[in-house]
Amino acid sequence: MEYLAFQSLDERLQKAIDHEETPGIVLLIAYRDTLLYHKAFGHAQWIPERKELTPDTFFDVASLTKVLATTTSILLLLKSGELGLSEPISKYFNEFRAPVKNQITLRHLLTHSSGLPAYYRFYQDLWEEDQKRGGGFLCTRDAKRQALQRVLEQDLAYEPGRDYRYSDLGFILLGALIEKVTATDLDLFCQQEIWTPLGLRQTFFNDLSARGKPPAPRQVGMPPSPQDVTGPRRFAATEYCPWRKKVMCGEVHDENCYAMGGVAGHAGLFSTSQDIYTLVARLLRCYRGEEDWIPPALVRTFFTRQHLPERSTWALGWDTPSPAGSTSGTLFSRESVGHTGFTGTSLWIDLKKDLVVILLSNRVHPSRNNQQFAKLRPEIHDRVQQLVGSGPWTRDRRQQTTRRRGRVAGGGQ
């Protein structure tokens, strides 16, 4: 692969590492189904020792879980007819049968317009309960049920559809909804219906509730567990956590997800840049009508801004570029979708240009107080748009189209 055209991008990313804007960065760029760039810079870990970052490092992708796992699962359940976008959530949760809450639909949850608050630190309640019991409660199925009950009991911050507020609680509820409809744990449903069919062997939830149990028989096609990938050397470390008293590495950073056992609708997923691209490439082929793993019309609906309410930038599960201050920078078209993760991860797709940019970093290592990355991310996206728009690969569309038709899904070249 030829990287010469991206020399200035190399230099900027190395500068980010030298100036400690983040410990490490993996950047993947794909254009019209062709992998143009895939490189790693910096370190997977600074403390307690330095470890090099590689393109195949596993990242805690944080809120990318919302689109890669939860939203994709919802798409499959809509395809099978097991869910409907206009269905009231009260059909599945008795706590939502009360006035006002009974207006909340699946569409409201996916567009962050349900009225549910953005966040609640229920991990603190669960940790206190764990201390009272002398340990053994945190990260269990009982803790997860108690956390869900706290979500269900939350008062609404506004009437459904009247406003929008990015809500972890809404996606925790979506994860629980998937489990209720399928009678299957979220991680197992994703494994059976998404990861294995698409050949994603580097994407998984680390189920912390399974600790202390005999290892289950491995199934053909199952991904490596964290124990199978040579310990923390293959993981990008996140934060040193004061209450967990360790650097989080291979275990989910998000406190609420951790308290729930590592598997939730809003966070908990681990993956690599290549696996993320494989999934995105499959969704894009459906979007273009080239296959129907998920019906093209359904994918296009999910990639379309819903205007719920009118000023909202949210599509279904996915975000779109905001008029100002978007993490995608200033050059992604309005016909773009994407999402970010608190740990320093992001995924943006310019549907008009057929451009995919996957940016994975461990910017919260060793502390979330490092805020330099917030300025770096949109700058990188602008540089990518400029370089791709002026590169030699844009000169012969016919050749690129021929390559696309002849290439097997996801891997690039």
Protein backbone atom coordinates (compact mmCIF):
# COMPACT_ATOMS: atom_id res chain seq x y z
CA MET A 1 0.00 0.00 0.00
CA GLU A 2 1.28 3.47 -0.88
CA TYR A 3 1.35 6.00 1.97
CA LEU A 4 3.43 8.71 0.28
CA ALA A 5 0.42 10.94 -0.36
CA PHE A 6 -0.31 10.91 3.36
CA GLN A 7 3.10 12.07 4.56
CA SER A 8 1.71 15.28 6.05
CA LEU A 9 -0.89 13.25 7.94
CA ASP A 10 1.86 10.97 9.27
CA GLU A 11 3.74 14.02 10.51
CA ARG A 12 0.70 15.49 12.26
CA LEU A 13 -0.15 12.23 14.00
CA GLN A 14 3.43 11.78 15.16
CA LYS A 15 3.41 15.35 16.44
CA ALA A 16 0.28 14.53 18.45
CA ILE A 17 2.14 11.66 20.08
CA ASP A 18 5.27 13.74 20.71
CA HIS A 19 3.19 16.50 22.34
CA GLU A 20 1.23 13.96 24.40
CA GLU A 21 -2.14 14.94 22.95
CA THR A 22 -2.93 11.25 23.40
CA PRO A 23 -0.78 8.20 24.16
CA GLY A 24 -1.70 6.42 20.93
CA ILE A 25 -3.71 6.64 17.72
CA VAL A 26 -4.86 4.11 15.13
CA LEU A 27 -6.28 5.67 11.97
CA LEU A 28 -8.04 3.79 9.16
CA ILE A 29 -9.21 5.52 5.97
CA ALA A 30 -11.27 3.77 3.30
CA TYR A 31 -12.54 5.38 0.10
CA ARG A 32 -14.97 3.65 -2.28
CA ASP A 33 -14.27 0.26 -0.73
CA THR A 34 -10.52 0.73 -1.05
CA LEU A 35 -8.39 0.82 2.09
CA LEU A 36 -6.13 3.85 1.61
CA TYR A 37 -4.51 4.14 5.01
CA HIS A 38 -4.17 2.06 8.17
CA LYS A 39 -1.46 2.99 10.64
CA ALA A 40 -0.74 3.16 14.35
CA PHE A 41 1.24 5.77 16.29
CA GLY A 42 2.39 5.91 19.88
CA HIS A 43 1.66 3.64 22.79
CA ALA A 44 -1.09 1.32 23.92
CA GLN A 45 -0.05 2.03 27.50
CA TRP A 46 2.14 4.50 29.42
CA ILE A 47 1.79 3.17 32.95
CA PRO A 48 2.85 1.07 34.72
CA GLU A 49 5.06 0.40 31.68
CA ARG A 50 5.16 1.58 28.08
CA LYS A 51 3.75 -0.73 25.43
CA GLU A 52 3.70 -0.07 21.70
CA LEU A 53 0.45 0.43 19.83
CA THR A 54 -0.16 -1.59 16.65
CA PRO A 55 -2.93 -1.44 14.01
CA ASP A 56 -4.50 -4.61 15.44
CA THR A 57 -4.63 -3.42 19.07
CA PHE A 58 -7.94 -4.02 20.85
CA PHE A 59 -9.69 -0.82 22.01
CA ASP A 60 -12.45 -0.22 24.50
CA VAL A 61 -14.63 1.57 21.95
CA ALA A 62 -16.97 3.02 24.62
CA SER A 63 -20.08 4.58 23.05
CA LEU A 64 -19.33 3.17 19.61
CA THR A 65 -21.06 0.20 21.25
CA LYS A 66 -24.29 2.12 20.67
CA VAL A 67 -24.01 1.93 16.88
CA LEU A 68 -21.88 -1.16 16.28
CA ALA A 69 -23.71 -3.49 18.67
CA THR A 70 -27.02 -2.04 19.88
CA THR A 71 -28.22 -0.18 16.79
CA THR A 72 -27.17 -2.99 14.46
CA SER A 73 -29.04 -5.48 16.68
CA ILE A 74 -32.14 -3.29 16.50
CA LEU A 75 -31.85 -3.26 12.70
CA LEU A 76 -31.86 -7.05 12.63
CA LEU A 77 -34.91 -7.21 14.93
CA LEU A 78 -36.75 -4.73 12.73
CA LYS A 79 -35.84 -6.84 9.70
CA SER A 80 -37.30 -9.96 11.34
CA GLY A 81 -40.44 -8.09 12.42
CA GLU A 82 -39.79 -8.64 16.11
CA LEU A 83 -39.74 -4.89 16.76
CA GLY A 84 -41.33 -1.80 15.23
CA LEU A 85 -40.00 1.77 15.29
CA SER A 86 -43.35 3.16 16.46
CA GLU A 87 -43.91 0.56 19.15
CA PRO A 88 -44.32 1.95 22.67
CA ILE A 89 -41.64 0.76 25.09
CA SER A 90 -44.40 0.17 27.64
CA LYS A 91 -45.19 -2.98 25.65
CA TYR A 92 -42.04 -4.49 27.16
CA PHE A 93 -41.55 -2.63 30.46
CA ASN A 94 -44.43 -2.18 32.91
CA GLU A 95 -42.70 0.84 34.49
CA PHE A 96 -43.33 2.78 31.26
CA ARG A 97 -47.11 2.37 31.33
CA ALA A 98 -47.52 5.51 33.42
CA PRO A 99 -48.73 8.73 31.75
CA VAL A 100 -46.14 10.51 29.57
CA LYS A 101 -43.71 7.58 29.81
CA ASN A 102 -46.23 5.51 27.84
CA GLN A 103 -45.60 7.83 24.87
CA ILE A 104 -41.96 6.70 24.50
CA THR A 105 -41.32 4.62 21.38
CA LEU A 106 -38.32 2.78 19.98
CA ARG A 107 -37.76 5.74 17.65
CA HIS A 108 -37.55 8.12 20.63
CA LEU A 109 -34.84 5.99 22.27
CA LEU A 110 -32.80 5.74 19.06
CA THR A 111 -32.95 9.52 18.50
CA HIS A 112 -32.18 10.44 22.13
CA SER A 113 -35.52 12.23 22.35
CA SER A 114 -37.26 9.96 24.87
CA GLY A 115 -37.02 12.39 27.78
CA LEU A 116 -34.74 10.10 29.77
CA PRO A 117 -31.88 11.91 31.55
CA ALA A 118 -28.43 11.81 30.03
CA TYR A 119 -26.71 9.94 32.84
CA TYR A 120 -27.00 8.66 36.37
CA ARG A 121 -24.12 7.38 38.53
CA PHE A 122 -25.85 4.22 39.67
CA TYR A 123 -22.47 2.48 39.82
CA GLN A 124 -21.92 4.39 43.07
CA ASP A 125 -25.09 2.90 44.54
CA LEU A 126 -24.05 -0.57 43.40
CA TRP A 127 -20.53 -0.11 44.78
CA GLU A 128 -21.96 0.93 48.16
CA GLU A 129 -24.21 -2.13 48.13
CA ASP A 130 -21.17 -4.25 47.32
CA GLN A 131 -19.32 -2.81 50.31
CA LYS A 132 -22.27 -3.54 52.64
CA ARG A 133 -22.31 -7.14 51.49
CA GLY A 134 -18.57 -7.54 51.90
CA GLY A 135 -17.99 -7.91 48.15
CA GLY A 136 -19.24 -10.29 45.51
CA PHE A 137 -22.15 -8.14 44.29
CA LEU A 138 -20.56 -5.74 41.79
CA CYS A 139 -20.37 -7.01 38.18
CA THR A 140 -23.01 -9.70 38.78
CA ARG A 141 -26.33 -10.38 37.08
CA ASP A 142 -28.08 -9.17 40.25
CA ALA A 143 -26.20 -5.87 40.03
CA LYS A 144 -27.22 -5.53 36.37
CA ARG A 145 -30.89 -6.10 37.23
CA GLN A 146 -30.69 -3.52 40.00
CA ALA A 147 -29.07 -1.02 37.62
CA LEU A 148 -31.81 -1.54 35.03
CA GLN A 149 -34.45 -0.98 37.69
CA ARG A 150 -32.87 2.38 38.49
CA VAL A 151 -33.06 3.32 34.81
CA LEU A 152 -36.71 2.31 34.62
CA GLU A 153 -37.55 4.40 37.69
CA GLN A 154 -35.94 7.62 36.41
CA ASP A 155 -38.21 10.63 36.05
CA LEU A 156 -38.32 12.13 32.57
CA ALA A 157 -36.47 15.39 31.99
CA TYR A 158 -38.91 16.49 29.26
CA GLU A 159 -41.88 15.21 27.29
CA PRO A 160 -40.92 12.60 24.66
CA GLY A 161 -40.15 14.15 21.27
CA ARG A 162 -40.13 17.74 22.56
CA ASP A 163 -36.35 17.93 23.01
CA TYR A 164 -33.28 15.74 22.63
CA ARG A 165 -30.53 14.91 25.07
CA TYR A 166 -27.81 12.35 24.43
CA SER A 167 -28.70 9.59 26.87
CA ASP A 168 -26.69 6.61 28.06
CA LEU A 169 -29.79 5.58 29.98
CA GLY A 170 -31.80 5.31 26.77
CA PHE A 171 -29.29 2.90 25.29
CA ILE A 172 -29.03 0.87 28.49
CA LEU A 173 -32.78 0.43 28.08
CA LEU A 174 -32.34 -0.54 24.42
CA GLY A 175 -29.82 -3.20 25.42
CA ALA A 176 -32.31 -4.58 27.93
CA LEU A 177 -35.04 -4.48 25.27
CA ILE A 178 -32.91 -6.58 22.91
CA GLU A 179 -32.34 -9.12 25.68
CA LYS A 180 -36.05 -9.25 26.52
CA VAL A 181 -37.22 -9.69 22.90
CA THR A 182 -34.59 -12.29 22.01
CA ALA A 183 -34.44 -14.05 25.41
CA THR A 184 -30.67 -13.93 24.89
CA ASP A 185 -27.89 -11.93 26.52
CA LEU A 186 -26.86 -8.96 24.41
CA ASP A 187 -23.29 -10.19 23.92
CA LEU A 188 -24.46 -13.64 22.81
CA PHE A 189 -27.04 -12.19 20.42
CA CYS A 190 -24.37 -9.97 18.83
CA GLN A 191 -22.02 -12.94 18.61
CA GLN A 192 -24.58 -15.18 16.94
CA GLU A 193 -26.20 -12.64 14.62
CA ILE A 194 -23.45 -10.11 13.83
CA TRP A 195 -19.88 -11.03 14.78
CA THR A 196 -19.85 -14.66 13.59
CA PRO A 197 -21.84 -14.16 10.33
CA LEU A 198 -19.56 -11.26 9.37
CA GLY A 199 -16.36 -13.02 10.41
CA LEU A 200 -15.53 -10.51 13.15
CA ARG A 201 -13.08 -12.45 15.32
CA GLN A 202 -11.74 -9.40 17.17
CA THR A 203 -14.99 -7.93 18.46
CA PHE A 204 -16.53 -8.89 21.80
CA PHE A 205 -17.89 -7.84 25.17
CA ASN A 206 -15.79 -8.88 28.17
CA ASP A 207 -18.44 -10.43 30.44
CA LEU A 208 -17.09 -9.72 33.93
CA SER A 209 -20.00 -11.54 35.53
CA ALA A 210 -18.49 -14.81 34.27
CA ARG A 211 -15.52 -14.51 36.64
CA GLY A 212 -14.97 -17.41 38.99
CA LYS A 213 -17.00 -19.79 36.81
CA PRO A 214 -15.57 -22.77 34.90
CA PRO A 215 -14.75 -21.76 31.31
CA ALA A 216 -17.59 -22.59 28.95
CA PRO A 217 -16.81 -24.82 25.95
CA ARG A 218 -15.54 -22.71 23.06
CA GLN A 219 -17.73 -22.76 19.98
CA VAL A 220 -16.45 -22.77 16.43
CA GLY A 221 -16.28 -19.19 15.21
CA MET A 222 -16.18 -17.66 18.68
CA PRO A 223 -13.79 -14.69 19.04
CA PRO A 224 -10.78 -14.79 21.31
CA SER A 225 -11.61 -13.96 24.90
CA PRO A 226 -9.43 -11.35 26.64
CA GLN A 227 -7.54 -14.25 28.23
CA ASP A 228 -6.72 -15.66 24.79
CA VAL A 229 -4.98 -12.56 23.45
CA THR A 230 -1.80 -12.55 25.54
CA GLY A 231 -3.13 -10.41 28.35
CA PRO A 232 -2.99 -6.61 28.36
CA ARG A 233 -0.30 -6.34 25.67
CA ARG A 234 -2.93 -6.44 22.95
CA PHE A 235 -5.23 -3.90 24.61
CA ALA A 236 -5.05 -0.11 24.65
CA ALA A 237 -5.18 0.94 28.30
CA THR A 238 -7.67 3.54 29.44
CA GLU A 239 -7.82 5.37 32.76
CA TYR A 240 -6.31 4.76 36.17
CA CYS A 241 -9.52 4.42 38.17
CA PRO A 242 -9.39 5.64 41.79
CA TRP A 243 -12.25 3.47 43.07
CA ARG A 244 -11.21 0.36 41.13
CA LYS A 245 -7.60 1.15 42.09
CA LYS A 246 -6.02 0.05 38.81
CA VAL A 247 -5.35 1.02 35.23
CA MET A 248 -8.28 -0.28 33.21
CA CYS A 249 -6.97 -2.52 30.47
CA GLY A 250 -9.07 -5.24 28.87
CA GLU A 251 -11.96 -4.38 31.21
CA VAL A 252 -14.55 -1.76 30.35
CA HIS A 253 -13.73 1.80 31.38
CA ASP A 254 -17.33 3.01 31.68
CA GLU A 255 -18.22 2.80 35.37
CA ASN A 256 -21.90 1.98 34.95
CA CYS A 257 -21.21 -0.73 32.39
CA TYR A 258 -18.50 -2.19 34.64
CA ALA A 259 -20.88 -2.34 37.61
CA MET A 260 -23.39 -4.13 35.36
CA GLY A 261 -20.84 -6.81 34.49
CA GLY A 262 -19.34 -5.40 31.29
CA VAL A 263 -22.26 -6.02 28.91
CA ALA A 264 -24.69 -3.18 28.23
CA GLY A 265 -26.37 -1.32 25.39
CA HIS A 266 -24.41 1.90 25.86
CA ALA A 267 -20.82 0.66 26.33
CA GLY A 268 -18.64 -2.41 26.89
CA LEU A 269 -17.59 -3.41 23.38
CA PHE A 270 -13.96 -4.15 22.49
CA SER A 271 -12.82 -4.22 18.88
CA THR A 272 -10.09 -3.37 16.38
CA SER A 273 -10.07 -0.85 13.57
CA GLN A 274 -10.17 -3.60 10.93
CA ASP A 275 -13.16 -5.37 12.46
CA ILE A 276 -15.04 -2.08 12.77
CA TYR A 277 -14.37 -1.39 9.11
CA THR A 278 -15.58 -4.85 8.10
CA LEU A 279 -18.94 -4.18 9.78
CA VAL A 280 -19.20 -0.66 8.35
CA ALA A 281 -18.37 -1.91 4.84
CA ARG A 282 -21.19 -4.43 5.11
CA LEU A 283 -23.67 -1.75 6.21
CA LEU A 284 -22.55 0.46 3.32
CA ARG A 285 -23.14 -2.29 0.77
CA CYS A 286 -26.65 -2.65 2.16
CA TYR A 287 -27.09 1.14 2.04
CA ARG A 288 -26.10 1.11 -1.66
CA GLY A 289 -28.46 -1.76 -2.43
CA GLU A 290 -25.67 -4.19 -3.29
CA GLU A 291 -26.89 -6.80 -0.78
CA ASP A 292 -29.70 -7.29 1.70
CA TRP A 293 -28.16 -8.62 4.92
CA ILE A 294 -30.18 -5.69 6.24
CA PRO A 295 -32.77 -4.31 3.78
CA PRO A 296 -31.31 -1.25 1.99
CA ALA A 297 -34.39 0.89 2.69
CA LEU A 298 -34.04 0.19 6.40
CA VAL A 299 -30.34 1.11 6.49
CA ARG A 300 -31.08 4.32 4.57
CA THR A 301 -33.76 5.21 7.11
CA PHE A 302 -31.33 4.71 9.98
CA PHE A 303 -28.72 6.86 8.19
CA THR A 304 -31.21 9.72 7.70
CA ARG A 305 -31.58 12.63 10.12
CA GLN A 306 -34.96 12.25 11.85
CA HIS A 307 -35.63 15.88 12.92
CA LEU A 308 -37.07 14.68 16.24
CA PRO A 309 -37.34 17.46 17.27
CA GLU A 310 -36.64 19.63 14.23
CA ARG A 311 -33.29 21.03 15.40
CA SER A 312 -31.86 17.60 16.34
CA THR A 313 -28.91 16.22 14.38
CA TRP A 314 -29.69 12.59 15.27
CA ALA A 315 -30.51 9.89 12.77
CA LEU A 316 -31.53 6.50 14.26
CA GLY A 317 -28.75 5.49 16.62
CA TRP A 318 -26.27 7.41 14.48
CA ASP A 319 -25.42 11.10 14.66
CA THR A 320 -24.94 13.48 11.74
CA PRO A 321 -22.60 16.51 11.53
CA SER A 322 -23.76 19.47 13.56
CA PRO A 323 -23.58 22.95 11.96
CA ALA A 324 -20.70 23.94 14.26
CA GLY A 325 -18.28 22.09 16.47
CA SER A 326 -18.75 18.63 14.97
CA THR A 327 -16.15 16.01 15.86
CA SER A 328 -16.13 15.22 12.12
CA GLY A 329 -14.59 18.61 11.40
CA THR A 330 -15.90 21.07 8.84
CA LEU A 331 -15.65 19.13 5.56
CA PHE A 332 -17.82 16.05 5.98
CA SER A 333 -20.98 16.45 3.91
CA ARG A 334 -24.41 16.78 5.46
CA GLU A 335 -24.99 13.26 4.13
CA SER A 336 -22.69 11.77 6.75
CA VAL A 337 -23.25 9.65 9.83
CA GLY A 338 -21.01 8.87 12.74
CA HIS A 339 -20.51 8.45 16.45
CA THR A 340 -17.85 8.96 19.11
CA GLY A 341 -16.71 7.17 22.25
CA PHE A 342 -15.56 8.74 25.50
CA THR A 343 -12.27 6.82 25.55
CA GLY A 344 -11.17 8.64 22.38
CA THR A 345 -12.77 6.62 19.62
CA SER A 346 -14.81 7.77 16.64
CA LEU A 347 -16.30 6.57 13.38
CA TRP A 348 -17.45 8.89 10.60
CA ILE A 349 -18.89 7.88 7.22
CA ASP A 350 -19.37 10.41 4.42
CA LEU A 351 -22.16 8.73 2.46
CA LYS A 352 -21.97 11.23 -0.39
CA LYS A 353 -18.24 10.65 -0.96
CA ASP A 354 -18.18 6.99 0.15
CA LEU A 355 -15.47 7.79 2.69
CA VAL A 356 -14.95 5.99 6.01
CA VAL A 357 -12.67 7.32 8.77
CA ILE A 358 -12.12 5.22 11.89
CA LEU A 359 -10.07 6.96 14.56
CA LEU A 360 -9.22 5.01 17.71
CA SER A 361 -7.23 6.52 20.56
CA ASN A 362 -6.74 5.97 24.28
CA ARG A 363 -6.91 9.67 25.11
CA VAL A 364 -8.20 8.94 28.67
CA HIS A 365 -4.98 7.11 29.60
CA PRO A 366 -3.86 7.57 32.27
CA SER A 367 -6.40 10.32 33.06
CA ARG A 368 -9.53 11.74 31.45
CA ASN A 369 -8.27 15.21 32.35
CA ASN A 370 -6.28 15.34 29.09
CA GLN A 371 -8.53 17.50 26.88
CA GLN A 372 -6.13 18.15 23.99
CA PHE A 373 -7.68 15.40 21.88
CA ALA A 374 -10.93 17.35 21.49
CA LYS A 375 -9.15 19.80 19.15
CA LEU A 376 -7.10 17.14 17.41
CA ARG A 377 -9.96 14.92 16.23
CA PRO A 378 -11.79 17.42 13.95
CA GLU A 379 -8.42 18.61 12.62
CA ILE A 380 -7.55 15.06 11.57
CA HIS A 381 -10.91 14.65 9.85
CA ASP A 382 -10.43 17.89 7.90
CA ARG A 383 -6.93 16.79 6.81
CA VAL A 384 -8.27 13.43 5.66
CA GLN A 385 -11.01 15.08 3.58
CA GLN A 386 -8.48 17.40 1.96
CA LEU A 387 -6.02 14.60 1.17
CA VAL A 388 -8.61 12.17 -0.16
CA GLY A 389 -10.24 14.88 -2.26
CA SER A 390 -6.96 15.76 -3.97
CA GLY A 391 -5.41 12.29 -4.27
CA PRO A 392 -4.74 10.29 -7.45
CA TRP A 393 -7.44 7.75 -6.48
CA THR A 394 -10.15 10.31 -7.34
CA ARG A 395 -9.16 10.55 -11.03
CA ASP A 396 -10.57 7.32 -12.38
CA ARG A 397 -14.01 6.51 -11.03
CA ARG A 398 -14.45 3.70 -13.50
CA GLN A 399 -11.39 1.88 -12.16
CA GLN A 400 -12.54 2.32 -8.55
CA THR A 401 -16.01 0.97 -9.42
CA THR A 402 -14.44 -2.09 -11.06
CA ARG A 403 -12.34 -2.71 -7.94
CA ARG A 404 -15.40 -2.43 -5.73
CA ARG A 405 -17.36 -4.99 -7.74
CA GLY A 406 -14.47 -7.42 -7.73
CA ARG A 407 -13.53 -7.17 -4.07
CA VAL A 408 -14.77 -9.44 -1.31
CA ALA A 409 -16.33 -7.63 1.66
CA GLY A 410 -14.51 -5.47 4.08
CA GLY A 411 -10.83 -6.21 3.82
CA GLY A 412 -9.60 -3.55 1.43
CA GLN A 413 -6.36 -4.36 -0.32
